[in-house]
Amino acid sequence: GGNLLQYIQELTKVVIPWEELLDIAIKNHVIPSIDNRSWKNPMKRFRSHGLTIPGMGTSTTASKMVVVIDTSGSVGDKDLAKFLSICKDSLMHFDEIVAIQHDSSINKITIVNKENMETGLDDIAHFAGRGGTSHTDVFKYIEDNIWYEDDDVGLVIMLTDFESDVVENWSSGKFNWVNDYPVKIVLNHSRVNTVPEFIDPMPIVIREVI
């Protein structure tokens, strides 16, 4: 009966450590800042020429991560709350986070760094939107306000149900940043086959049980 079916389903649940997977994805794309030079680690290839030039320091903090948060009605409050914790933890690896909240258009942009972490994260926690979904304005904003300014972005993370125009925008040829910035897709459902491999071959699902 129903109780037996529920019992079997409980036994066969698979818990996915999505937080660990995302943490690995973030660290794999953290790049040293161009200003991160240390005289304690001079560049070896110049020593033979009698030159001492500072090499890379030990810090691996990239300057910026862009977080795109789909706040349309199809993304639940619990999913958004989980994603907020990602923003907080990411500040250990990045100097700054640009959080873009959107549904069919951009509703809020919050810049968070170590100096305004508490107020910045609180601002993100007040999610704006809950309408339909489109990524067009987000793609344009990243192109015009981040990529065009030549900002040093280590990673773009996108929380979405992927029921949007991501593929159309990505393939349009209008946006240079999709070729320059690594992107990690974080889904709020288990249908990972909806994400083309050329965008992200291994999207992460934040549903803990599938």
Protein backbone atom coordinates (compact mmCIF):
# COMPACT_ATOMS: atom_id res chain seq x y z
CA GLY A 1 0.00 0.00 0.00
CA GLY A 2 0.90 3.67 0.25
CA ASN A 3 2.85 3.26 3.49
CA LEU A 4 5.05 0.57 1.96
CA LEU A 5 5.71 2.70 -1.13
CA GLN A 6 6.66 5.65 1.07
CA TYR A 7 8.98 3.42 3.11
CA ILE A 8 10.71 2.17 -0.05
CA GLN A 9 11.09 5.73 -1.30
CA GLU A 10 12.67 6.74 2.00
CA LEU A 11 15.16 3.86 1.72
CA THR A 12 16.14 4.76 -1.83
CA LYS A 13 16.66 8.48 -1.31
CA VAL A 14 20.09 9.66 -2.42
CA VAL A 15 21.54 12.64 -0.59
CA ILE A 16 23.66 14.78 -2.89
CA PRO A 17 26.37 16.87 -1.15
CA TRP A 18 25.68 19.86 -3.38
CA GLU A 19 27.41 22.27 -1.03
CA GLU A 20 30.68 20.34 -1.35
CA LEU A 21 30.35 20.08 -5.12
CA LEU A 22 29.78 23.81 -5.42
CA ASP A 23 32.65 24.58 -3.06
CA ILE A 24 34.94 22.54 -5.31
CA ALA A 25 33.62 24.35 -8.38
CA ILE A 26 34.30 27.72 -6.76
CA LYS A 27 37.83 26.84 -5.65
CA ASN A 28 38.67 25.39 -9.07
CA HIS A 29 37.94 28.77 -10.62
CA VAL A 30 39.61 30.98 -8.05
CA ILE A 31 42.50 32.75 -9.76
CA PRO A 32 45.25 34.79 -8.14
CA SER A 33 44.81 38.54 -8.26
CA ILE A 34 47.20 40.33 -10.62
CA ASP A 35 48.28 42.45 -7.64
CA ASN A 36 49.12 39.38 -5.58
CA ARG A 37 52.91 39.55 -5.93
CA SER A 38 55.44 38.54 -3.31
CA TRP A 39 59.18 39.22 -3.04
CA LYS A 40 59.39 36.03 -0.98
CA ASN A 41 58.68 34.06 -4.14
CA PRO A 42 60.69 35.66 -7.00
CA MET A 43 60.06 34.44 -10.55
CA LYS A 44 62.67 31.77 -11.30
CA ARG A 45 62.96 32.28 -15.05
CA PHE A 46 64.40 35.77 -14.60
CA ARG A 47 67.08 34.83 -12.07
CA SER A 48 69.44 33.57 -14.80
CA HIS A 49 69.39 37.08 -16.26
CA GLY A 50 70.35 38.66 -12.97
CA LEU A 51 66.87 40.04 -12.39
CA THR A 52 64.79 39.62 -9.26
CA ILE A 53 61.09 40.02 -10.00
CA PRO A 54 58.39 39.22 -7.44
CA GLY A 55 56.36 36.10 -8.14
CA MET A 56 52.85 35.13 -7.15
CA GLY A 57 52.02 35.26 -3.47
CA THR A 58 50.30 32.55 -1.50
CA SER A 59 46.87 34.17 -1.57
CA THR A 60 44.39 32.78 -4.11
CA THR A 61 41.64 35.37 -3.84
CA ALA A 62 40.14 36.43 -7.13
CA SER A 63 38.70 39.88 -7.32
CA LYS A 64 35.08 39.16 -8.15
CA MET A 65 32.34 36.55 -8.47
CA VAL A 66 29.01 37.25 -10.17
CA VAL A 67 25.97 35.56 -8.66
CA VAL A 68 22.80 35.48 -10.77
CA ILE A 69 19.72 34.63 -8.70
CA ASP A 70 16.47 33.70 -10.43
CA THR A 71 13.74 34.99 -8.11
CA SER A 72 10.83 34.03 -10.37
CA GLY A 73 7.83 32.27 -8.92
CA SER A 74 9.13 28.82 -9.87
CA VAL A 75 12.13 29.08 -7.53
CA GLY A 76 11.10 28.41 -3.93
CA ASP A 77 12.03 30.33 -0.79
CA LYS A 78 14.01 27.37 0.56
CA ASP A 79 16.08 27.23 -2.62
CA LEU A 80 16.82 30.94 -2.32
CA ALA A 81 17.78 30.57 1.34
CA LYS A 82 20.25 27.82 0.44
CA PHE A 83 21.74 29.99 -2.25
CA LEU A 84 22.18 32.86 0.21
CA SER A 85 24.50 30.65 2.26
CA ILE A 86 26.57 30.13 -0.90
CA CYS A 87 27.03 33.88 -1.21
CA LYS A 88 28.22 34.13 2.38
CA ASP A 89 30.69 31.26 2.10
CA SER A 90 32.05 32.55 -1.21
CA LEU A 91 33.39 35.69 0.45
CA MET A 92 36.20 33.53 1.80
CA HIS A 93 37.46 33.12 -1.76
CA PHE A 94 36.57 36.39 -3.48
CA ASP A 95 37.12 40.05 -2.68
CA GLU A 96 33.69 40.98 -3.97
CA ILE A 97 30.39 39.43 -5.00
CA VAL A 98 27.98 41.05 -7.43
CA ALA A 99 24.55 39.51 -6.75
CA ILE A 100 21.97 40.09 -9.50
CA GLN A 101 18.36 39.23 -8.65
CA HIS A 102 15.95 38.92 -11.54
CA ASP A 103 12.75 37.42 -12.81
CA SER A 104 11.70 38.71 -16.25
CA SER A 105 13.97 41.73 -15.64
CA ILE A 106 16.60 42.75 -13.11
CA ASN A 107 15.04 43.61 -9.77
CA LYS A 108 18.05 44.25 -7.57
CA ILE A 109 21.83 44.36 -7.74
CA THR A 110 23.83 44.04 -4.53
CA ILE A 111 27.59 44.37 -4.26
CA VAL A 112 29.00 42.57 -1.23
CA ASN A 113 32.54 42.64 0.08
CA LYS A 114 34.24 41.96 3.40
CA GLU A 115 33.59 45.51 4.60
CA ASN A 116 29.81 45.46 4.12
CA MET A 117 29.25 41.71 4.40
CA GLU A 118 26.52 41.86 7.06
CA THR A 119 24.42 44.59 5.46
CA GLY A 120 25.08 43.26 1.96
CA LEU A 121 23.95 39.73 2.74
CA ASP A 122 20.91 41.13 4.55
CA ASP A 123 20.01 43.08 1.43
CA ILE A 124 20.30 39.95 -0.72
CA ALA A 125 18.09 38.07 1.75
CA HIS A 126 15.20 40.37 0.87
CA PHE A 127 14.48 38.69 -2.42
CA ALA A 128 12.77 40.79 -5.06
CA GLY A 129 10.68 39.50 -7.92
CA ARG A 130 8.52 36.33 -8.07
CA GLY A 131 7.22 37.00 -11.59
CA GLY A 132 8.09 35.35 -14.92
CA THR A 133 11.63 34.51 -16.05
CA SER A 134 14.10 35.93 -18.55
CA HIS A 135 17.89 36.20 -18.51
CA THR A 136 18.21 38.77 -21.30
CA ASP A 137 18.68 41.79 -19.02
CA VAL A 138 21.17 39.85 -16.92
CA PHE A 139 23.28 38.93 -19.95
CA LYS A 140 23.23 42.57 -21.07
CA TYR A 141 24.18 43.87 -17.63
CA ILE A 142 27.17 41.53 -17.30
CA GLU A 143 28.30 42.46 -20.82
CA ASP A 144 27.92 46.23 -20.46
CA ASN A 145 28.81 46.79 -16.81
CA ILE A 146 31.25 44.03 -15.93
CA TRP A 147 32.87 42.50 -19.01
CA TYR A 148 33.17 45.83 -20.83
CA GLU A 149 34.91 47.32 -17.78
CA ASP A 150 37.43 44.47 -17.97
CA ASP A 151 36.73 43.35 -14.42
CA ASP A 152 38.63 40.32 -13.13
CA VAL A 153 35.81 37.81 -12.68
CA GLY A 154 36.72 34.35 -11.43
CA LEU A 155 33.30 32.72 -11.76
CA VAL A 156 29.66 33.35 -12.67
CA ILE A 157 27.14 31.24 -10.74
CA MET A 158 23.54 31.10 -11.91
CA LEU A 159 20.73 29.79 -9.70
CA THR A 160 17.81 28.99 -12.00
CA ASP A 161 15.21 26.41 -12.94
CA PHE A 162 16.57 26.85 -16.49
CA GLU A 163 13.05 27.37 -17.81
CA SER A 164 14.19 30.59 -19.42
CA ASP A 165 16.02 32.01 -22.43
CA VAL A 166 19.55 31.19 -21.24
CA VAL A 167 20.41 29.08 -24.29
CA GLU A 168 19.04 31.65 -26.73
CA ASN A 169 21.07 34.44 -25.16
CA TRP A 170 24.17 32.29 -24.86
CA SER A 171 24.05 31.27 -28.53
CA SER A 172 23.07 34.68 -29.91
CA GLY A 173 26.65 35.85 -30.43
CA LYS A 174 25.84 39.17 -28.74
CA PHE A 175 27.64 38.51 -25.48
CA ASN A 176 31.42 38.19 -25.24
CA TRP A 177 31.47 37.35 -21.54
CA VAL A 178 30.09 33.84 -22.09
CA ASN A 179 33.40 32.97 -23.77
CA ASP A 180 35.60 34.64 -21.16
CA TYR A 181 34.01 33.79 -17.81
CA PRO A 182 33.61 30.28 -16.37
CA VAL A 183 29.97 29.57 -15.54
CA LYS A 184 28.43 27.17 -13.03
CA ILE A 185 24.72 26.41 -13.27
CA VAL A 186 22.92 25.60 -10.00
CA LEU A 187 19.48 24.06 -10.55
CA ASN A 188 16.60 23.86 -8.10
CA HIS A 189 15.44 20.58 -9.66
CA SER A 190 16.97 17.31 -10.81
CA ARG A 191 16.51 17.72 -14.58
CA VAL A 192 20.19 18.32 -15.30
CA ASN A 193 19.72 17.18 -18.91
CA THR A 194 18.04 20.52 -19.63
CA VAL A 195 21.45 22.26 -19.47
CA PRO A 196 23.56 21.96 -22.64
CA GLU A 197 27.11 20.73 -22.11
CA PHE A 198 28.57 23.78 -23.86
CA ILE A 199 27.18 25.92 -21.03
CA ASP A 200 27.94 23.62 -18.11
CA PRO A 201 28.70 19.90 -18.51
CA MET A 202 28.14 19.25 -14.79
CA PRO A 203 25.37 21.46 -13.33
CA ILE A 204 24.73 21.22 -9.61
CA VAL A 205 21.33 20.42 -8.10
CA ILE A 206 20.51 22.00 -4.75
CA ARG A 207 17.68 19.61 -4.05
CA GLU A 208 19.25 17.38 -1.43
CA VAL A 209 17.04 14.42 -2.28
CA ILE A 210 16.18 13.23 -5.77
